[in-house]
Amino acid sequence: MAKAEISTRDLNELTKDTNNIYKSVAIISKRARQISTKVKEELSEKLAEFSTQVDSLEEIFENKEQIEISRYYEKMPKPSLLATEQFLDGKVYSADNKDISETE
């Protein structure tokens, strides 16, 4: 998993597969959006279990499990950091920069 901190990247390393920094950034950006969408869907599914039609203030503050889930997702690395790590590790490929997929 990627570190949750921001660090400077070597441009030569980012462009070694594409020979174009803009193409590399576009690929990383599209992958980051895919990761972000996936994480949002997972979080929404997990938090949906706790939703009720009428929430009282007591229920909102007492639900420790929901708070723990939210904290876990808040501490996760940003999707852009995850996408950059995947790109640098060769786990992301692009077919003419249209479809971005992660290799497993």
PDB file of N, CA and C in Angstrom:
ATOM      1  N   MET A   1       0.845  -1.183   0.000  1.00  0.00           N
ATOM      2  CA  MET A   1       0.000   0.000   0.000  1.00  0.00           C
ATOM      3  C   MET A   1       0.881   1.233   0.000  1.00  0.00           C
ATOM      4  N   ALA A   2       0.427   2.264  -0.645  1.00  0.00           N
ATOM      5  CA  ALA A   2       1.175   3.514  -0.748  1.00  0.00           C
ATOM      6  C   ALA A   2       1.206   4.227   0.594  1.00  0.00           C
ATOM      7  N   LYS A   3       2.269   4.978   0.802  1.00  0.00           N
ATOM      8  CA  LYS A   3       2.373   5.795   2.003  1.00  0.00           C
ATOM      9  C   LYS A   3       1.383   6.949   1.898  1.00  0.00           C
ATOM     10  N   ALA A   4       0.918   7.411   3.047  1.00  0.00           N
ATOM     11  CA  ALA A   4      -0.077   8.481   3.071  1.00  0.00           C
ATOM     12  C   ALA A   4       0.564   9.862   2.990  1.00  0.00           C
ATOM     13  N   GLU A   5       1.854   9.920   2.723  1.00  0.00           N
ATOM     14  CA  GLU A   5       2.520  11.213   2.650  1.00  0.00           C
ATOM     15  C   GLU A   5       2.888  11.551   1.209  1.00  0.00           C
ATOM     16  N   ILE A   6       3.005  12.819   0.948  1.00  0.00           N
ATOM     17  CA  ILE A   6       3.350  13.292  -0.389  1.00  0.00           C
ATOM     18  C   ILE A   6       4.866  13.351  -0.508  1.00  0.00           C
ATOM     19  N   SER A   7       5.386  12.928  -1.660  1.00  0.00           N
ATOM     20  CA  SER A   7       6.825  13.004  -1.889  1.00  0.00           C
ATOM     21  C   SER A   7       7.098  13.436  -3.324  1.00  0.00           C
ATOM     22  N   THR A   8       8.291  13.944  -3.546  1.00  0.00           N
ATOM     23  CA  THR A   8       8.698  14.385  -4.868  1.00  0.00           C
ATOM     24  C   THR A   8       8.973  13.165  -5.738  1.00  0.00           C
ATOM     25  N   ARG A   9       8.560  13.221  -6.991  1.00  0.00           N
ATOM     26  CA  ARG A   9       8.754  12.112  -7.924  1.00  0.00           C
ATOM     27  C   ARG A   9       9.760  12.503  -8.995  1.00  0.00           C
ATOM     28  N   ASP A  10      10.520  11.531  -9.452  1.00  0.00           N
ATOM     29  CA  ASP A  10      11.473  11.721 -10.527  1.00  0.00           C
ATOM     30  C   ASP A  10      10.725  11.678 -11.860  1.00  0.00           C
ATOM     31  N   LEU A  11      10.818  12.747 -12.640  1.00  0.00           N
ATOM     32  CA  LEU A  11      10.102  12.807 -13.917  1.00  0.00           C
ATOM     33  C   LEU A  11      10.553  11.717 -14.875  1.00  0.00           C
ATOM     34  N   ASN A  12      11.823  11.366 -14.842  1.00  0.00           N
ATOM     35  CA  ASN A  12      12.315  10.301 -15.720  1.00  0.00           C
ATOM     36  C   ASN A  12      11.650   8.967 -15.391  1.00  0.00           C
ATOM     37  N   GLU A  13      11.412   8.744 -14.111  1.00  0.00           N
ATOM     38  CA  GLU A  13      10.747   7.510 -13.686  1.00  0.00           C
ATOM     39  C   GLU A  13       9.280   7.489 -14.140  1.00  0.00           C
ATOM     40  N   LEU A  14       8.636   8.651 -14.073  1.00  0.00           N
ATOM     41  CA  LEU A  14       7.232   8.740 -14.485  1.00  0.00           C
ATOM     42  C   LEU A  14       7.054   8.592 -15.998  1.00  0.00           C
ATOM     43  N   THR A  15       8.068   8.964 -16.761  1.00  0.00           N
ATOM     44  CA  THR A  15       7.925   8.944 -18.217  1.00  0.00           C
ATOM     45  C   THR A  15       8.611   7.762 -18.890  1.00  0.00           C
ATOM     46  N   LYS A  16       9.170   6.844 -18.112  1.00  0.00           N
ATOM     47  CA  LYS A  16       9.924   5.752 -18.746  1.00  0.00           C
ATOM     48  C   LYS A  16       9.046   4.838 -19.596  1.00  0.00           C
ATOM     49  N   ASP A  17       7.786   4.664 -19.258  1.00  0.00           N
ATOM     50  CA  ASP A  17       6.902   3.786 -20.043  1.00  0.00           C
ATOM     51  C   ASP A  17       6.195   4.519 -21.190  1.00  0.00           C
ATOM     52  N   THR A  18       5.907   5.795 -20.992  1.00  0.00           N
ATOM     53  CA  THR A  18       5.118   6.532 -21.979  1.00  0.00           C
ATOM     54  C   THR A  18       5.931   7.516 -22.807  1.00  0.00           C
ATOM     55  N   ASN A  19       7.095   7.892 -22.321  1.00  0.00           N
ATOM     56  CA  ASN A  19       7.939   8.913 -22.952  1.00  0.00           C
ATOM     57  C   ASN A  19       7.238  10.267 -23.064  1.00  0.00           C
ATOM     58  N   ASN A  20       6.221  10.475 -22.230  1.00  0.00           N
ATOM     59  CA  ASN A  20       5.466  11.721 -22.268  1.00  0.00           C
ATOM     60  C   ASN A  20       4.861  11.952 -20.894  1.00  0.00           C
ATOM     61  N   ILE A  21       5.270  13.027 -20.226  1.00  0.00           N
ATOM     62  CA  ILE A  21       4.793  13.300 -18.869  1.00  0.00           C
ATOM     63  C   ILE A  21       3.292  13.541 -18.848  1.00  0.00           C
ATOM     64  N   TYR A  22       2.766  14.174 -19.873  1.00  0.00           N
ATOM     65  CA  TYR A  22       1.329  14.469 -19.910  1.00  0.00           C
ATOM     66  C   TYR A  22       0.500  13.192 -20.038  1.00  0.00           C
ATOM     67  N   LYS A  23       0.983  12.260 -20.828  1.00  0.00           N
ATOM     68  CA  LYS A  23       0.286  10.980 -20.967  1.00  0.00           C
ATOM     69  C   LYS A  23       0.349  10.207 -19.654  1.00  0.00           C
ATOM     70  N   SER A  24       1.501  10.240 -19.000  1.00  0.00           N
ATOM     71  CA  SER A  24       1.636   9.561 -17.710  1.00  0.00           C
ATOM     72  C   SER A  24       0.680  10.139 -16.672  1.00  0.00           C
ATOM     73  N   VAL A  25       0.627  11.460 -16.620  1.00  0.00           N
ATOM     74  CA  VAL A  25      -0.263  12.124 -15.660  1.00  0.00           C
ATOM     75  C   VAL A  25      -1.722  11.822 -15.990  1.00  0.00           C
ATOM     76  N   ALA A  26      -2.072  11.772 -17.267  1.00  0.00           N
ATOM     77  CA  ALA A  26      -3.451  11.451 -17.664  1.00  0.00           C
ATOM     78  C   ALA A  26      -3.819  10.031 -17.228  1.00  0.00           C
ATOM     79  N   ILE A  27      -2.899   9.096 -17.402  1.00  0.00           N
ATOM     80  CA  ILE A  27      -3.154   7.708 -16.993  1.00  0.00           C
ATOM     81  C   ILE A  27      -3.328   7.629 -15.479  1.00  0.00           C
ATOM     82  N   ILE A  28      -2.436   8.285 -14.749  1.00  0.00           N
ATOM     83  CA  ILE A  28      -2.517   8.278 -13.284  1.00  0.00           C
ATOM     84  C   ILE A  28      -3.812   8.930 -12.825  1.00  0.00           C
ATOM     85  N   SER A  29      -4.197  10.017 -13.473  1.00  0.00           N
ATOM     86  CA  SER A  29      -5.426  10.728 -13.119  1.00  0.00           C
ATOM     87  C   SER A  29      -6.664   9.855 -13.317  1.00  0.00           C
ATOM     88  N   LYS A  30      -6.724   9.170 -14.452  1.00  0.00           N
ATOM     89  CA  LYS A  30      -7.882   8.301 -14.716  1.00  0.00           C
ATOM     90  C   LYS A  30      -7.938   7.153 -13.718  1.00  0.00           C
ATOM     91  N   ARG A  31      -6.786   6.585 -13.396  1.00  0.00           N
ATOM     92  CA  ARG A  31      -6.755   5.491 -12.420  1.00  0.00           C
ATOM     93  C   ARG A  31      -7.167   6.001 -11.038  1.00  0.00           C
ATOM     94  N   ALA A  32      -6.734   7.205 -10.683  1.00  0.00           N
ATOM     95  CA  ALA A  32      -7.099   7.785  -9.387  1.00  0.00           C
ATOM     96  C   ALA A  32      -8.615   7.970  -9.288  1.00  0.00           C
ATOM     97  N   ARG A  33      -9.232   8.388 -10.390  1.00  0.00           N
ATOM     98  CA  ARG A  33     -10.697   8.530 -10.391  1.00  0.00           C
ATOM     99  C   ARG A  33     -11.390   7.190 -10.209  1.00  0.00           C
ATOM    100  N   GLN A  34     -10.833   6.135 -10.840  1.00  0.00           N
ATOM    101  CA  GLN A  34     -11.398   4.797 -10.671  1.00  0.00           C
ATOM    102  C   GLN A  34     -11.296   4.355  -9.211  1.00  0.00           C
ATOM    103  N   ILE A  35     -10.148   4.579  -8.605  1.00  0.00           N
ATOM    104  CA  ILE A  35      -9.938   4.192  -7.207  1.00  0.00           C
ATOM    105  C   ILE A  35     -10.881   4.975  -6.309  1.00  0.00           C
ATOM    106  N   SER A  36     -10.993   6.268  -6.546  1.00  0.00           N
ATOM    107  CA  SER A  36     -11.860   7.123  -5.736  1.00  0.00           C
ATOM    108  C   SER A  36     -13.312   6.658  -5.795  1.00  0.00           C
ATOM    109  N   THR A  37     -13.778   6.342  -6.986  1.00  0.00           N
ATOM    110  CA  THR A  37     -15.154   5.867  -7.159  1.00  0.00           C
ATOM    111  C   THR A  37     -15.371   4.558  -6.407  1.00  0.00           C
ATOM    112  N   LYS A  38     -14.417   3.650  -6.521  1.00  0.00           N
ATOM    113  CA  LYS A  38     -14.522   2.358  -5.846  1.00  0.00           C
ATOM    114  C   LYS A  38     -14.555   2.532  -4.326  1.00  0.00           C
ATOM    115  N   VAL A  39     -13.688   3.382  -3.794  1.00  0.00           N
ATOM    116  CA  VAL A  39     -13.629   3.606  -2.345  1.00  0.00           C
ATOM    117  C   VAL A  39     -14.922   4.258  -1.853  1.00  0.00           C
ATOM    118  N   LYS A  40     -15.436   5.220  -2.607  1.00  0.00           N
ATOM    119  CA  LYS A  40     -16.692   5.879  -2.220  1.00  0.00           C
ATOM    120  C   LYS A  40     -17.848   4.883  -2.188  1.00  0.00           C
ATOM    121  N   GLU A  41     -17.885   3.981  -3.170  1.00  0.00           N
ATOM    122  CA  GLU A  41     -18.944   2.972  -3.200  1.00  0.00           C
ATOM    123  C   GLU A  41     -18.830   2.038  -1.998  1.00  0.00           C
ATOM    124  N   GLU A  42     -17.610   1.605  -1.683  1.00  0.00           N
ATOM    125  CA  GLU A  42     -17.408   0.724  -0.527  1.00  0.00           C
ATOM    126  C   GLU A  42     -17.834   1.411   0.756  1.00  0.00           C
ATOM    127  N   LEU A  43     -17.430   2.656   0.929  1.00  0.00           N
ATOM    128  CA  LEU A  43     -17.782   3.397   2.137  1.00  0.00           C
ATOM    129  C   LEU A  43     -19.290   3.596   2.236  1.00  0.00           C
ATOM    130  N   SER A  44     -19.924   3.926   1.127  1.00  0.00           N
ATOM    131  CA  SER A  44     -21.374   4.122   1.134  1.00  0.00           C
ATOM    132  C   SER A  44     -22.104   2.839   1.521  1.00  0.00           C
ATOM    133  N   GLU A  45     -21.623   1.694   0.993  1.00  0.00           N
ATOM    134  CA  GLU A  45     -22.239   0.411   1.338  1.00  0.00           C
ATOM    135  C   GLU A  45     -22.103   0.113   2.823  1.00  0.00           C
ATOM    136  N   LYS A  46     -20.917   0.350   3.366  1.00  0.00           N
ATOM    137  CA  LYS A  46     -20.698   0.063   4.786  1.00  0.00           C
ATOM    138  C   LYS A  46     -21.499   0.996   5.678  1.00  0.00           C
ATOM    139  N   LEU A  47     -21.585   2.258   5.307  1.00  0.00           N
ATOM    140  CA  LEU A  47     -22.331   3.213   6.125  1.00  0.00           C
ATOM    141  C   LEU A  47     -23.837   3.061   5.950  1.00  0.00           C
ATOM    142  N   ALA A  48     -24.272   2.482   4.838  1.00  0.00           N
ATOM    143  CA  ALA A  48     -25.703   2.269   4.615  1.00  0.00           C
ATOM    144  C   ALA A  48     -26.283   1.308   5.643  1.00  0.00           C
ATOM    145  N   GLU A  49     -25.460   0.415   6.147  1.00  0.00           N
ATOM    146  CA  GLU A  49     -25.924  -0.525   7.174  1.00  0.00           C
ATOM    147  C   GLU A  49     -26.375   0.202   8.436  1.00  0.00           C
ATOM    148  N   PHE A  50     -25.812   1.376   8.677  1.00  0.00           N
ATOM    149  CA  PHE A  50     -26.101   2.105   9.904  1.00  0.00           C
ATOM    150  C   PHE A  50     -27.206   3.133   9.739  1.00  0.00           C
ATOM    151  N   SER A  51     -27.615   3.387   8.504  1.00  0.00           N
ATOM    152  CA  SER A  51     -28.609   4.431   8.297  1.00  0.00           C
ATOM    153  C   SER A  51     -29.999   3.949   8.688  1.00  0.00           C
ATOM    154  N   THR A  52     -30.737   4.850   9.253  1.00  0.00           N
ATOM    155  CA  THR A  52     -32.131   4.597   9.602  1.00  0.00           C
ATOM    156  C   THR A  52     -32.946   5.764   9.051  1.00  0.00           C
ATOM    157  N   GLN A  53     -34.238   5.594   9.031  1.00  0.00           N
ATOM    158  CA  GLN A  53     -35.094   6.652   8.503  1.00  0.00           C
ATOM    159  C   GLN A  53     -35.029   7.906   9.371  1.00  0.00           C
ATOM    160  N   VAL A  54     -35.006   7.718  10.677  1.00  0.00           N
ATOM    161  CA  VAL A  54     -34.968   8.852  11.591  1.00  0.00           C
ATOM    162  C   VAL A  54     -33.773   8.672  12.513  1.00  0.00           C
ATOM    163  N   ASP A  55     -32.803   9.563  12.405  1.00  0.00           N
ATOM    164  CA  ASP A  55     -31.631   9.522  13.275  1.00  0.00           C
ATOM    165  C   ASP A  55     -31.792  10.557  14.376  1.00  0.00           C
ATOM    166  N   SER A  56     -31.675  10.098  15.584  1.00  0.00           N
ATOM    167  CA  SER A  56     -31.674  11.048  16.691  1.00  0.00           C
ATOM    168  C   SER A  56     -30.228  11.410  16.990  1.00  0.00           C
ATOM    169  N   LEU A  57     -30.028  12.487  17.695  1.00  0.00           N
ATOM    170  CA  LEU A  57     -28.661  12.912  18.016  1.00  0.00           C
ATOM    171  C   LEU A  57     -27.927  11.867  18.847  1.00  0.00           C
ATOM    172  N   GLU A  58     -28.653  11.186  19.722  1.00  0.00           N
ATOM    173  CA  GLU A  58     -28.019  10.164  20.556  1.00  0.00           C
ATOM    174  C   GLU A  58     -27.480   9.013  19.700  1.00  0.00           C
ATOM    175  N   GLU A  59     -28.261   8.601  18.707  1.00  0.00           N
ATOM    176  CA  GLU A  59     -27.837   7.507  17.835  1.00  0.00           C
ATOM    177  C   GLU A  59     -26.611   7.887  17.025  1.00  0.00           C
ATOM    178  N   ILE A  60     -26.546   9.110  16.587  1.00  0.00           N
ATOM    179  CA  ILE A  60     -25.417   9.564  15.776  1.00  0.00           C
ATOM    180  C   ILE A  60     -24.134   9.546  16.587  1.00  0.00           C
ATOM    181  N   PHE A  61     -24.180  10.026  17.803  1.00  0.00           N
ATOM    182  CA  PHE A  61     -22.973  10.108  18.619  1.00  0.00           C
ATOM    183  C   PHE A  61     -22.595   8.787  19.261  1.00  0.00           C
ATOM    184  N   GLU A  62     -23.527   7.862  19.409  1.00  0.00           N
ATOM    185  CA  GLU A  62     -23.247   6.602  20.086  1.00  0.00           C
ATOM    186  C   GLU A  62     -22.698   5.524  19.165  1.00  0.00           C
ATOM    187  N   ASN A  63     -22.788   5.676  17.888  1.00  0.00           N
ATOM    188  CA  ASN A  63     -22.418   4.615  16.967  1.00  0.00           C
ATOM    189  C   ASN A  63     -20.902   4.592  16.741  1.00  0.00           C
ATOM    190  N   LYS A  64     -20.217   3.874  17.614  1.00  0.00           N
ATOM    191  CA  LYS A  64     -18.752   3.797  17.569  1.00  0.00           C
ATOM    192  C   LYS A  64     -18.265   3.056  16.326  1.00  0.00           C
ATOM    193  N   GLU A  65     -18.976   2.037  15.917  1.00  0.00           N
ATOM    194  CA  GLU A  65     -18.577   1.252  14.739  1.00  0.00           C
ATOM    195  C   GLU A  65     -18.547   2.130  13.486  1.00  0.00           C
ATOM    196  N   GLN A  66     -19.548   2.946  13.328  1.00  0.00           N
ATOM    197  CA  GLN A  66     -19.624   3.841  12.181  1.00  0.00           C
ATOM    198  C   GLN A  66     -18.464   4.843  12.214  1.00  0.00           C
ATOM    199  N   ILE A  67     -18.142   5.337  13.376  1.00  0.00           N
ATOM    200  CA  ILE A  67     -17.035   6.278  13.527  1.00  0.00           C
ATOM    201  C   ILE A  67     -15.717   5.603  13.171  1.00  0.00           C
ATOM    202  N   GLU A  68     -15.524   4.363  13.585  1.00  0.00           N
ATOM    203  CA  GLU A  68     -14.296   3.634  13.277  1.00  0.00           C
ATOM    204  C   GLU A  68     -14.148   3.405  11.769  1.00  0.00           C
ATOM    205  N   ILE A  69     -15.244   3.069  11.113  1.00  0.00           N
ATOM    206  CA  ILE A  69     -15.212   2.872   9.662  1.00  0.00           C
ATOM    207  C   ILE A  69     -14.831   4.177   8.969  1.00  0.00           C
ATOM    208  N   SER A  70     -15.439   5.269   9.387  1.00  0.00           N
ATOM    209  CA  SER A  70     -15.137   6.565   8.783  1.00  0.00           C
ATOM    210  C   SER A  70     -13.682   6.950   9.010  1.00  0.00           C
ATOM    211  N   ARG A  71     -13.174   6.714  10.193  1.00  0.00           N
ATOM    212  CA  ARG A  71     -11.768   7.030  10.481  1.00  0.00           C
ATOM    213  C   ARG A  71     -10.820   6.189   9.636  1.00  0.00           C
ATOM    214  N   TYR A  72     -11.154   4.925   9.436  1.00  0.00           N
ATOM    215  CA  TYR A  72     -10.319   4.057   8.605  1.00  0.00           C
ATOM    216  C   TYR A  72     -10.191   4.635   7.200  1.00  0.00           C
ATOM    217  N   TYR A  73     -11.316   5.042   6.616  1.00  0.00           N
ATOM    218  CA  TYR A  73     -11.296   5.581   5.259  1.00  0.00           C
ATOM    219  C   TYR A  73     -10.617   6.952   5.201  1.00  0.00           C
ATOM    220  N   GLU A  74     -10.712   7.731   6.273  1.00  0.00           N
ATOM    221  CA  GLU A  74     -10.040   9.027   6.306  1.00  0.00           C
ATOM    222  C   GLU A  74      -8.525   8.866   6.330  1.00  0.00           C
ATOM    223  N   LYS A  75      -8.034   7.799   6.951  1.00  0.00           N
ATOM    224  CA  LYS A  75      -6.598   7.574   7.078  1.00  0.00           C
ATOM    225  C   LYS A  75      -5.981   6.912   5.850  1.00  0.00           C
ATOM    226  N   MET A  76      -6.811   6.428   4.947  1.00  0.00           N
ATOM    227  CA  MET A  76      -6.293   5.789   3.740  1.00  0.00           C
ATOM    228  C   MET A  76      -5.532   6.803   2.895  1.00  0.00           C
ATOM    229  N   PRO A  77      -4.522   6.340   2.150  1.00  0.00           N
ATOM    230  CA  PRO A  77      -3.823   7.254   1.242  1.00  0.00           C
ATOM    231  C   PRO A  77      -4.772   7.780   0.176  1.00  0.00           C
ATOM    232  N   LYS A  78      -4.487   8.954  -0.313  1.00  0.00           N
ATOM    233  CA  LYS A  78      -5.300   9.564  -1.358  1.00  0.00           C
ATOM    234  C   LYS A  78      -5.265   8.702  -2.621  1.00  0.00           C
ATOM    235  N   PRO A  79      -6.351   8.684  -3.382  1.00  0.00           N
ATOM    236  CA  PRO A  79      -6.378   7.896  -4.613  1.00  0.00           C
ATOM    237  C   PRO A  79      -5.257   8.257  -5.586  1.00  0.00           C
ATOM    238  N   SER A  80      -4.861   9.524  -5.617  1.00  0.00           N
ATOM    239  CA  SER A  80      -3.782   9.927  -6.521  1.00  0.00           C
ATOM    240  C   SER A  80      -2.454   9.290  -6.118  1.00  0.00           C
ATOM    241  N   LEU A  81      -2.217   9.146  -4.822  1.00  0.00           N
ATOM    242  CA  LEU A  81      -0.995   8.488  -4.365  1.00  0.00           C
ATOM    243  C   LEU A  81      -1.018   7.000  -4.698  1.00  0.00           C
ATOM    244  N   LEU A  82      -2.165   6.365  -4.496  1.00  0.00           N
ATOM    245  CA  LEU A  82      -2.292   4.943  -4.829  1.00  0.00           C
ATOM    246  C   LEU A  82      -2.103   4.721  -6.328  1.00  0.00           C
ATOM    247  N   ALA A  83      -2.713   5.583  -7.139  1.00  0.00           N
ATOM    248  CA  ALA A  83      -2.607   5.448  -8.597  1.00  0.00           C
ATOM    249  C   ALA A  83      -1.167   5.661  -9.059  1.00  0.00           C
ATOM    250  N   THR A  84      -0.481   6.612  -8.468  1.00  0.00           N
ATOM    251  CA  THR A  84       0.914   6.859  -8.838  1.00  0.00           C
ATOM    252  C   THR A  84       1.778   5.659  -8.496  1.00  0.00           C
ATOM    253  N   GLU A  85       1.583   5.090  -7.315  1.00  0.00           N
ATOM    254  CA  GLU A  85       2.348   3.896  -6.920  1.00  0.00           C
ATOM    255  C   GLU A  85       2.071   2.739  -7.875  1.00  0.00           C
ATOM    256  N   GLN A  86       0.808   2.534  -8.224  1.00  0.00           N
ATOM    257  CA  GLN A  86       0.462   1.462  -9.149  1.00  0.00           C
ATOM    258  C   GLN A  86       1.105   1.691 -10.509  1.00  0.00           C
ATOM    259  N   PHE A  87       1.110   2.920 -10.975  1.00  0.00           N
ATOM    260  CA  PHE A  87       1.709   3.246 -12.266  1.00  0.00           C
ATOM    261  C   PHE A  87       3.213   2.983 -12.244  1.00  0.00           C
ATOM    262  N   LEU A  88       3.876   3.420 -11.187  1.00  0.00           N
ATOM    263  CA  LEU A  88       5.323   3.238 -11.093  1.00  0.00           C
ATOM    264  C   LEU A  88       5.706   1.775 -10.916  1.00  0.00           C
ATOM    265  N   ASP A  89       4.824   0.999 -10.295  1.00  0.00           N
ATOM    266  CA  ASP A  89       5.087  -0.431 -10.100  1.00  0.00           C
ATOM    267  C   ASP A  89       4.710  -1.265 -11.327  1.00  0.00           C
ATOM    268  N   GLY A  90       4.181  -0.614 -12.359  1.00  0.00           N
ATOM    269  CA  GLY A  90       3.797  -1.328 -13.573  1.00  0.00           C
ATOM    270  C   GLY A  90       2.506  -2.101 -13.435  1.00  0.00           C
ATOM    271  N   LYS A  91       1.664  -1.721 -12.479  1.00  0.00           N
ATOM    272  CA  LYS A  91       0.405  -2.424 -12.254  1.00  0.00           C
ATOM    273  C   LYS A  91      -0.767  -1.786 -12.993  1.00  0.00           C
ATOM    274  N   VAL A  92      -0.517  -0.710 -13.716  1.00  0.00           N
ATOM    275  CA  VAL A  92      -1.565  -0.011 -14.448  1.00  0.00           C
ATOM    276  C   VAL A  92      -1.167   0.008 -15.917  1.00  0.00           C
ATOM    277  N   TYR A  93      -2.114  -0.301 -16.777  1.00  0.00           N
ATOM    278  CA  TYR A  93      -1.826  -0.217 -18.202  1.00  0.00           C
ATOM    279  C   TYR A  93      -2.925   0.569 -18.894  1.00  0.00           C
ATOM    280  N   SER A  94      -2.574   1.109 -20.052  1.00  0.00           N
ATOM    281  CA  SER A  94      -3.502   1.921 -20.807  1.00  0.00           C
ATOM    282  C   SER A  94      -3.482   1.485 -22.259  1.00  0.00           C
ATOM    283  N   ALA A  95      -4.647   1.314 -22.830  1.00  0.00           N
ATOM    284  CA  ALA A  95      -4.763   1.014 -24.257  1.00  0.00           C
ATOM    285  C   ALA A  95      -5.048   2.330 -24.965  1.00  0.00           C
ATOM    286  N   ASP A  96      -3.999   2.947 -25.485  1.00  0.00           N
ATOM    287  CA  ASP A  96      -4.107   4.250 -26.161  1.00  0.00           C
ATOM    288  C   ASP A  96      -4.744   5.312 -25.257  1.00  0.00           C
ATOM    289  N   ASN A  97      -4.477   5.210 -23.947  1.00  0.00           N
ATOM    290  CA  ASN A  97      -4.931   6.203 -22.963  1.00  0.00           C
ATOM    291  C   ASN A  97      -6.455   6.294 -22.888  1.00  0.00           C
ATOM    292  N   LYS A  98      -7.177   5.263 -23.338  1.00  0.00           N
ATOM    293  CA  LYS A  98      -8.638   5.290 -23.277  1.00  0.00           C
ATOM    294  C   LYS A  98      -9.137   4.488 -22.099  1.00  0.00           C
ATOM    295  N   ASP A  99      -8.705   3.240 -21.995  1.00  0.00           N
ATOM    296  CA  ASP A  99      -9.128   2.387 -20.904  1.00  0.00           C
ATOM    297  C   ASP A  99      -7.960   2.180 -19.967  1.00  0.00           C
ATOM    298  N   ILE A 100      -8.157   2.513 -18.712  1.00  0.00           N
ATOM    299  CA  ILE A 100      -7.111   2.349 -17.707  1.00  0.00           C
ATOM    300  C   ILE A 100      -7.518   1.178 -16.831  1.00  0.00           C
ATOM    301  N   SER A 101      -6.615   0.213 -16.659  1.00  0.00           N
ATOM    302  CA  SER A 101      -6.922  -0.958 -15.861  1.00  0.00           C
ATOM    303  C   SER A 101      -5.736  -1.322 -14.991  1.00  0.00           C
ATOM    304  N   GLU A 102      -6.027  -1.970 -13.896  1.00  0.00           N
ATOM    305  CA  GLU A 102      -4.984  -2.437 -13.000  1.00  0.00           C
ATOM    306  C   GLU A 102      -4.697  -3.896 -13.318  1.00  0.00           C
ATOM    307  N   THR A 103      -3.422  -4.226 -13.419  1.00  0.00           N
ATOM    308  CA  THR A 103      -3.037  -5.614 -13.606  1.00  0.00           C
ATOM    309  C   THR A 103      -2.910  -6.248 -12.236  1.00  0.00           C
ATOM    310  N   GLU A 104      -3.222  -7.491 -12.127  1.00  0.00           N
ATOM    311  CA  GLU A 104      -3.154  -8.166 -10.815  1.00  0.00           C
ATOM    312  C   GLU A 104      -2.058  -9.155 -10.792  1.00  0.00           C
TER     313      GLU A 104
END
